[in-house]
PDB file of all heavy atoms in Angstrom:
ATOM      1  N   ASN A   1     -89.982  20.061  16.838  1.00  0.00           N
ATOM      2  CA  ASN A   1     -91.032  21.040  17.232  1.00  0.00           C
ATOM      3  C   ASN A   1     -91.072  22.126  16.132  1.00  0.00           C
ATOM      4  O   ASN A   1     -90.241  22.158  15.191  1.00  0.00           O
ATOM      5  CB  ASN A   1     -90.723  21.686  18.567  1.00  0.00           C
ATOM      6  CG  ASN A   1     -89.269  22.190  18.695  1.00  0.00           C
ATOM      7  OD1 ASN A   1     -88.766  22.845  17.760  1.00  0.00           O
ATOM      8  ND2 ASN A   1     -88.652  21.823  19.741  1.00  0.00           N
ATOM      9  N   TYR A   2     -92.060  23.031  16.323  1.00  0.00           N
ATOM     10  CA  TYR A   2     -92.163  24.106  15.303  1.00  0.00           C
ATOM     11  C   TYR A   2     -90.950  25.040  15.272  1.00  0.00           C
ATOM     12  O   TYR A   2     -90.569  25.548  14.077  1.00  0.00           O
ATOM     13  CB  TYR A   2     -93.413  24.937  15.606  1.00  0.00           C
ATOM     14  CG  TYR A   2     -93.536  26.122  14.684  1.00  0.00           C
ATOM     15  CD1 TYR A   2     -93.810  25.912  13.269  1.00  0.00           C
ATOM     16  CD2 TYR A   2     -93.252  27.472  15.181  1.00  0.00           C
ATOM     17  CE1 TYR A   2     -93.879  26.971  12.368  1.00  0.00           C
ATOM     18  CE2 TYR A   2     -93.342  28.511  14.210  1.00  0.00           C
ATOM     19  CZ  TYR A   2     -93.656  28.286  12.851  1.00  0.00           C
ATOM     20  OH  TYR A   2     -93.696  29.301  12.028  1.00  0.00           O
ATOM     21  N   ARG A   3     -90.291  25.208  16.428  1.00  0.00           N
ATOM     22  CA  ARG A   3     -89.132  26.085  16.357  1.00  0.00           C
ATOM     23  C   ARG A   3     -88.054  25.552  15.371  1.00  0.00           C
ATOM     24  O   ARG A   3     -87.506  26.315  14.595  1.00  0.00           O
ATOM     25  CB  ARG A   3     -88.511  26.192  17.762  1.00  0.00           C
ATOM     26  CG  ARG A   3     -87.273  27.029  17.783  1.00  0.00           C
ATOM     27  CD  ARG A   3     -86.809  27.144  19.305  1.00  0.00           C
ATOM     28  NE  ARG A   3     -85.554  27.967  19.404  1.00  0.00           N
ATOM     29  CZ  ARG A   3     -84.926  28.134  20.558  1.00  0.00           C
ATOM     30  NH1 ARG A   3     -85.371  27.615  21.654  1.00  0.00           N
ATOM     31  NH2 ARG A   3     -83.886  28.953  20.562  1.00  0.00           N
ATOM     32  N   GLU A   4     -87.876  24.236  15.426  1.00  0.00           N
ATOM     33  CA  GLU A   4     -86.832  23.662  14.442  1.00  0.00           C
ATOM     34  C   GLU A   4     -87.435  23.689  13.019  1.00  0.00           C
ATOM     35  O   GLU A   4     -86.663  24.003  12.080  1.00  0.00           O
ATOM     36  CB  GLU A   4     -86.599  22.156  14.834  1.00  0.00           C
ATOM     37  CG  GLU A   4     -85.794  22.021  16.177  1.00  0.00           C
ATOM     38  CD  GLU A   4     -85.408  20.557  16.370  1.00  0.00           C
ATOM     39  OE1 GLU A   4     -85.713  19.739  15.444  1.00  0.00           O
ATOM     40  OE2 GLU A   4     -84.847  20.368  17.395  1.00  0.00           O
ATOM     41  N   TYR A   5     -88.687  23.427  12.889  1.00  0.00           N
ATOM     42  CA  TYR A   5     -89.354  23.499  11.524  1.00  0.00           C
ATOM     43  C   TYR A   5     -89.176  24.920  10.941  1.00  0.00           C
ATOM     44  O   TYR A   5     -88.870  25.040   9.759  1.00  0.00           O
ATOM     45  CB  TYR A   5     -90.794  23.102  11.616  1.00  0.00           C
ATOM     46  CG  TYR A   5     -91.481  22.677  10.341  1.00  0.00           C
ATOM     47  CD1 TYR A   5     -91.414  21.364   9.945  1.00  0.00           C
ATOM     48  CD2 TYR A   5     -92.058  23.600   9.504  1.00  0.00           C
ATOM     49  CE1 TYR A   5     -92.031  20.965   8.804  1.00  0.00           C
ATOM     50  CE2 TYR A   5     -92.714  23.174   8.305  1.00  0.00           C
ATOM     51  CZ  TYR A   5     -92.679  21.808   8.029  1.00  0.00           C
ATOM     52  OH  TYR A   5     -93.265  21.414   6.835  1.00  0.00           O
ATOM     53  N   ALA A   6     -89.446  25.951  11.750  1.00  0.00           N
ATOM     54  CA  ALA A   6     -89.398  27.374  11.292  1.00  0.00           C
ATOM     55  C   ALA A   6     -87.939  27.708  10.854  1.00  0.00           C
ATOM     56  O   ALA A   6     -87.729  28.440   9.932  1.00  0.00           O
ATOM     57  CB  ALA A   6     -89.973  28.290  12.264  1.00  0.00           C
ATOM     58  N   ALA A   7     -86.979  27.130  11.678  1.00  0.00           N
ATOM     59  CA  ALA A   7     -85.623  27.432  11.311  1.00  0.00           C
ATOM     60  C   ALA A   7     -85.231  26.835   9.908  1.00  0.00           C
ATOM     61  O   ALA A   7     -84.489  27.492   9.154  1.00  0.00           O
ATOM     62  CB  ALA A   7     -84.666  26.808  12.385  1.00  0.00           C
ATOM     63  N   ARG A   8     -85.844  25.639   9.641  1.00  0.00           N
ATOM     64  CA  ARG A   8     -85.593  25.053   8.324  1.00  0.00           C
ATOM     65  C   ARG A   8     -86.253  25.916   7.216  1.00  0.00           C
ATOM     66  O   ARG A   8     -85.665  26.142   6.140  1.00  0.00           O
ATOM     67  CB  ARG A   8     -86.120  23.656   8.267  1.00  0.00           C
ATOM     68  CG  ARG A   8     -85.520  22.625   9.306  1.00  0.00           C
ATOM     69  CD  ARG A   8     -84.125  22.151   8.849  1.00  0.00           C
ATOM     70  NE  ARG A   8     -83.108  23.167   8.925  1.00  0.00           N
ATOM     71  CZ  ARG A   8     -82.585  23.606  10.041  1.00  0.00           C
ATOM     72  NH1 ARG A   8     -82.845  23.079  11.183  1.00  0.00           N
ATOM     73  NH2 ARG A   8     -81.622  24.513  10.016  1.00  0.00           N
ATOM     74  N   LEU A   9     -87.402  26.388   7.446  1.00  0.00           N
ATOM     75  CA  LEU A   9     -87.994  27.290   6.467  1.00  0.00           C
ATOM     76  C   LEU A   9     -87.334  28.541   6.218  1.00  0.00           C
ATOM     77  O   LEU A   9     -87.166  28.928   5.057  1.00  0.00           O
ATOM     78  CB  LEU A   9     -89.531  27.618   6.926  1.00  0.00           C
ATOM     79  CG  LEU A   9     -90.511  26.504   7.085  1.00  0.00           C
ATOM     80  CD1 LEU A   9     -91.799  27.048   7.578  1.00  0.00           C
ATOM     81  CD2 LEU A   9     -90.809  25.866   5.699  1.00  0.00           C
ATOM     82  N   ARG A  10     -86.786  29.129   7.241  1.00  0.00           N
ATOM     83  CA  ARG A  10     -85.968  30.398   7.079  1.00  0.00           C
ATOM     84  C   ARG A  10     -84.693  30.185   6.269  1.00  0.00           C
ATOM     85  O   ARG A  10     -84.339  30.916   5.365  1.00  0.00           O
ATOM     86  CB  ARG A  10     -85.644  31.045   8.439  1.00  0.00           C
ATOM     87  CG  ARG A  10     -86.872  31.624   9.187  1.00  0.00           C
ATOM     88  CD  ARG A  10     -86.370  32.449  10.337  1.00  0.00           C
ATOM     89  NE  ARG A  10     -85.668  31.613  11.372  1.00  0.00           N
ATOM     90  CZ  ARG A  10     -86.247  31.049  12.356  1.00  0.00           C
ATOM     91  NH1 ARG A  10     -87.597  31.105  12.558  1.00  0.00           N
ATOM     92  NH2 ARG A  10     -85.581  30.450  13.337  1.00  0.00           N
ATOM     93  N   GLU A  11     -84.082  29.006   6.585  1.00  0.00           N
ATOM     94  CA  GLU A  11     -82.817  28.739   5.869  1.00  0.00           C
ATOM     95  C   GLU A  11     -83.076  28.387   4.375  1.00  0.00           C
ATOM     96  O   GLU A  11     -82.358  28.808   3.522  1.00  0.00           O
ATOM     97  CB  GLU A  11     -82.065  27.566   6.586  1.00  0.00           C
ATOM     98  CG  GLU A  11     -80.676  27.357   6.033  1.00  0.00           C
ATOM     99  CD  GLU A  11     -79.798  26.477   6.908  1.00  0.00           C
ATOM    100  OE1 GLU A  11     -80.358  25.945   7.902  1.00  0.00           O
ATOM    101  OE2 GLU A  11     -78.587  26.446   6.739  1.00  0.00           O
ATOM    102  N   MET A  12     -84.188  27.685   4.154  1.00  0.00           N
ATOM    103  CA  MET A  12     -84.476  27.374   2.800  1.00  0.00           C
ATOM    104  C   MET A  12     -84.892  28.694   2.027  1.00  0.00           C
ATOM    105  O   MET A  12     -84.497  28.845   0.814  1.00  0.00           O
ATOM    106  CB  MET A  12     -85.734  26.467   2.707  1.00  0.00           C
ATOM    107  CG  MET A  12     -85.378  25.057   3.040  1.00  0.00           C
ATOM    108  SD  MET A  12     -86.661  23.902   2.798  1.00  0.00           S
ATOM    109  CE  MET A  12     -88.011  24.432   3.938  1.00  0.00           C
ATOM    110  N   ALA A  13     -85.469  29.587   2.658  1.00  0.00           N
ATOM    111  CA  ALA A  13     -85.851  30.936   1.994  1.00  0.00           C
ATOM    112  C   ALA A  13     -84.569  31.706   1.662  1.00  0.00           C
ATOM    113  O   ALA A  13     -84.485  32.433   0.607  1.00  0.00           O
ATOM    114  CB  ALA A  13     -86.749  31.695   2.846  1.00  0.00           C
ATOM    115  N   ARG A  14     -83.585  31.615   2.462  1.00  0.00           N
ATOM    116  CA  ARG A  14     -82.240  32.276   2.158  1.00  0.00           C
ATOM    117  C   ARG A  14     -81.556  31.629   0.953  1.00  0.00           C
ATOM    118  O   ARG A  14     -80.924  32.388   0.224  1.00  0.00           O
ATOM    119  CB  ARG A  14     -81.334  32.213   3.396  1.00  0.00           C
ATOM    120  CG  ARG A  14     -81.776  33.109   4.526  1.00  0.00           C
ATOM    121  CD  ARG A  14     -80.652  33.414   5.541  1.00  0.00           C
ATOM    122  NE  ARG A  14     -80.291  32.127   6.251  1.00  0.00           N
ATOM    123  CZ  ARG A  14     -80.899  31.745   7.407  1.00  0.00           C
ATOM    124  NH1 ARG A  14     -81.868  32.451   7.937  1.00  0.00           N
ATOM    125  NH2 ARG A  14     -80.519  30.573   7.943  1.00  0.00           N
ATOM    126  N   ILE A  15     -81.738  30.343   0.843  1.00  0.00           N
ATOM    127  CA  ILE A  15     -81.053  29.608  -0.234  1.00  0.00           C
ATOM    128  C   ILE A  15     -81.942  29.775  -1.489  1.00  0.00           C
ATOM    129  O   ILE A  15     -81.443  30.089  -2.613  1.00  0.00           O
ATOM    130  CB  ILE A  15     -80.849  28.146   0.050  1.00  0.00           C
ATOM    131  CG1 ILE A  15     -79.891  27.979   1.229  1.00  0.00           C
ATOM    132  CG2 ILE A  15     -80.385  27.393  -1.111  1.00  0.00           C
ATOM    133  CD1 ILE A  15     -79.856  26.584   1.848  1.00  0.00           C
ATOM    134  N   GLY A  16     -83.139  29.463  -1.407  1.00  0.00           N
ATOM    135  CA  GLY A  16     -84.158  29.548  -2.556  1.00  0.00           C
ATOM    136  C   GLY A  16     -84.802  30.897  -2.704  1.00  0.00           C
ATOM    137  O   GLY A  16     -85.907  31.103  -2.288  1.00  0.00           O
ATOM    138  N   THR A  17     -84.022  31.872  -3.111  1.00  0.00           N
ATOM    139  CA  THR A  17     -84.518  33.268  -3.206  1.00  0.00           C
ATOM    140  C   THR A  17     -85.727  33.373  -4.110  1.00  0.00           C
ATOM    141  O   THR A  17     -86.594  34.271  -3.920  1.00  0.00           O
ATOM    142  CB  THR A  17     -83.460  34.239  -3.588  1.00  0.00           C
ATOM    143  OG1 THR A  17     -82.818  33.740  -4.828  1.00  0.00           O
ATOM    144  CG2 THR A  17     -82.337  34.306  -2.598  1.00  0.00           C
ATOM    145  N   ASP A  18     -85.857  32.456  -5.081  1.00  0.00           N
ATOM    146  CA  ASP A  18     -87.059  32.487  -5.892  1.00  0.00           C
ATOM    147  C   ASP A  18     -88.002  31.318  -5.638  1.00  0.00           C
ATOM    148  O   ASP A  18     -89.168  31.371  -5.858  1.00  0.00           O
ATOM    149  CB  ASP A  18     -86.616  32.400  -7.456  1.00  0.00           C
ATOM    150  CG  ASP A  18     -85.855  33.697  -7.856  1.00  0.00           C
ATOM    151  OD1 ASP A  18     -86.392  34.769  -7.733  1.00  0.00           O
ATOM    152  OD2 ASP A  18     -84.631  33.490  -8.206  1.00  0.00           O
ATOM    153  N   LEU A  19     -87.378  30.123  -5.274  1.00  0.00           N
ATOM    154  CA  LEU A  19     -88.089  28.960  -4.944  1.00  0.00           C
ATOM    155  C   LEU A  19     -87.809  28.562  -3.547  1.00  0.00           C
ATOM    156  O   LEU A  19     -87.065  27.635  -3.305  1.00  0.00           O
ATOM    157  CB  LEU A  19     -87.781  27.845  -5.943  1.00  0.00           C
ATOM    158  CG  LEU A  19     -88.039  28.180  -7.479  1.00  0.00           C
ATOM    159  CD1 LEU A  19     -87.597  26.919  -8.325  1.00  0.00           C
ATOM    160  CD2 LEU A  19     -89.441  28.494  -7.683  1.00  0.00           C
ATOM    161  N   PRO A  20     -88.542  29.172  -2.527  1.00  0.00           N
ATOM    162  CA  PRO A  20     -88.148  28.873  -1.176  1.00  0.00           C
ATOM    163  C   PRO A  20     -88.677  27.636  -0.612  1.00  0.00           C
ATOM    164  O   PRO A  20     -88.238  27.148   0.478  1.00  0.00           O
ATOM    165  CB  PRO A  20     -88.811  30.110  -0.404  1.00  0.00           C
ATOM    166  CG  PRO A  20     -89.950  30.493  -1.271  1.00  0.00           C
ATOM    167  CD  PRO A  20     -89.507  30.221  -2.675  1.00  0.00           C
ATOM    168  N   TYR A  21     -89.663  26.886  -1.320  1.00  0.00           N
ATOM    169  CA  TYR A  21     -90.309  25.756  -0.706  1.00  0.00           C
ATOM    170  C   TYR A  21     -90.077  24.613  -1.698  1.00  0.00           C
ATOM    171  O   TYR A  21     -90.878  24.392  -2.716  1.00  0.00           O
ATOM    172  CB  TYR A  21     -91.817  26.056  -0.507  1.00  0.00           C
ATOM    173  CG  TYR A  21     -92.111  27.168   0.335  1.00  0.00           C
ATOM    174  CD1 TYR A  21     -92.947  28.171  -0.116  1.00  0.00           C
ATOM    175  CD2 TYR A  21     -91.543  27.363   1.606  1.00  0.00           C
ATOM    176  CE1 TYR A  21     -93.311  29.317   0.658  1.00  0.00           C
ATOM    177  CE2 TYR A  21     -91.826  28.537   2.348  1.00  0.00           C
ATOM    178  CZ  TYR A  21     -92.722  29.435   1.891  1.00  0.00           C
ATOM    179  OH  TYR A  21     -92.945  30.601   2.600  1.00  0.00           O
ATOM    180  N   PRO A  22     -89.152  23.757  -1.490  1.00  0.00           N
ATOM    181  CA  PRO A  22     -88.910  22.649  -2.376  1.00  0.00           C
ATOM    182  C   PRO A  22     -90.023  21.601  -2.270  1.00  0.00           C
ATOM    183  O   PRO A  22     -90.696  21.530  -1.176  1.00  0.00           O
ATOM    184  CB  PRO A  22     -87.640  22.031  -1.982  1.00  0.00           C
ATOM    185  CG  PRO A  22     -87.530  22.285  -0.476  1.00  0.00           C
ATOM    186  CD  PRO A  22     -88.187  23.686  -0.385  1.00  0.00           C
ATOM    187  N   ARG A  23     -90.302  20.807  -3.230  1.00  0.00           N
ATOM    188  CA  ARG A  23     -91.356  19.785  -3.238  1.00  0.00           C
ATOM    189  C   ARG A  23     -91.013  18.842  -2.088  1.00  0.00           C
ATOM    190  O   ARG A  23     -92.052  18.329  -1.459  1.00  0.00           O
ATOM    191  CB  ARG A  23     -91.374  19.037  -4.563  1.00  0.00           C
ATOM    192  CG  ARG A  23     -92.486  18.032  -4.743  1.00  0.00           C
ATOM    193  CD  ARG A  23     -92.505  17.530  -6.103  1.00  0.00           C
ATOM    194  NE  ARG A  23     -93.619  16.542  -6.269  1.00  0.00           N
ATOM    195  CZ  ARG A  23     -93.878  15.926  -7.540  1.00  0.00           C
ATOM    196  NH1 ARG A  23     -93.213  16.332  -8.561  1.00  0.00           N
ATOM    197  NH2 ARG A  23     -94.864  15.158  -7.532  1.00  0.00           N
ATOM    198  N   ALA A  24     -89.823  18.596  -1.788  1.00  0.00           N
ATOM    199  CA  ALA A  24     -89.476  17.745  -0.693  1.00  0.00           C
ATOM    200  C   ALA A  24     -89.951  18.036   0.680  1.00  0.00           C
ATOM    201  O   ALA A  24     -90.073  17.200   1.549  1.00  0.00           O
ATOM    202  CB  ALA A  24     -87.932  17.407  -0.638  1.00  0.00           C
ATOM    203  N   LEU A  25     -90.336  19.264   0.838  1.00  0.00           N
ATOM    204  CA  LEU A  25     -90.848  19.682   2.090  1.00  0.00           C
ATOM    205  C   LEU A  25     -92.085  18.911   2.509  1.00  0.00           C
ATOM    206  O   LEU A  25     -92.320  18.596   3.662  1.00  0.00           O
ATOM    207  CB  LEU A  25     -91.181  21.257   2.038  1.00  0.00           C
ATOM    208  CG  LEU A  25     -91.678  21.865   3.371  1.00  0.00           C
ATOM    209  CD1 LEU A  25     -90.678  21.813   4.486  1.00  0.00           C
ATOM    210  CD2 LEU A  25     -92.060  23.306   3.175  1.00  0.00           C
ATOM    211  N   ALA A  26     -92.917  18.604   1.501  1.00  0.00           N
ATOM    212  CA  ALA A  26     -94.135  17.896   1.748  1.00  0.00           C
ATOM    213  C   ALA A  26     -93.746  16.400   2.264  1.00  0.00           C
ATOM    214  O   ALA A  26     -94.493  15.887   3.123  1.00  0.00           O
ATOM    215  CB  ALA A  26     -94.968  17.714   0.435  1.00  0.00           C
ATOM    216  N   GLY A  27     -92.636  15.839   1.884  1.00  0.00           N
ATOM    217  CA  GLY A  27     -92.222  14.613   2.302  1.00  0.00           C
ATOM    218  C   GLY A  27     -91.806  14.589   3.817  1.00  0.00           C
ATOM    219  O   GLY A  27     -92.194  13.758   4.639  1.00  0.00           O
ATOM    220  N   VAL A  28     -91.023  15.642   4.101  1.00  0.00           N
ATOM    221  CA  VAL A  28     -90.623  15.855   5.509  1.00  0.00           C
ATOM    222  C   VAL A  28     -91.761  16.041   6.440  1.00  0.00           C
ATOM    223  O   VAL A  28     -91.933  15.524   7.542  1.00  0.00           O
ATOM    224  CB  VAL A  28     -89.598  17.107   5.598  1.00  0.00           C
ATOM    225  CG1 VAL A  28     -89.330  17.342   7.079  1.00  0.00           C
ATOM    226  CG2 VAL A  28     -88.354  16.720   4.861  1.00  0.00           C
ATOM    227  N   GLU A  29     -92.770  16.950   5.904  1.00  0.00           N
ATOM    228  CA  GLU A  29     -94.003  17.190   6.720  1.00  0.00           C
ATOM    229  C   GLU A  29     -94.747  15.846   6.921  1.00  0.00           C
ATOM    230  O   GLU A  29     -95.230  15.572   8.038  1.00  0.00           O
ATOM    231  CB  GLU A  29     -94.806  18.173   6.091  1.00  0.00           C
ATOM    232  CG  GLU A  29     -96.118  18.528   6.904  1.00  0.00           C
ATOM    233  CD  GLU A  29     -97.256  18.858   5.982  1.00  0.00           C
ATOM    234  OE1 GLU A  29     -97.408  18.279   4.892  1.00  0.00           O
ATOM    235  OE2 GLU A  29     -98.111  19.619   6.416  1.00  0.00           O
TER     236      GLU A  29
END
């Protein structure tokens, strides 16, 4: 669900301080 998706986005933003959205996100979506 979106709750889990949003949690993944937040965690990626903490790791990727400059690049928060990896290209692989499109594959997961």
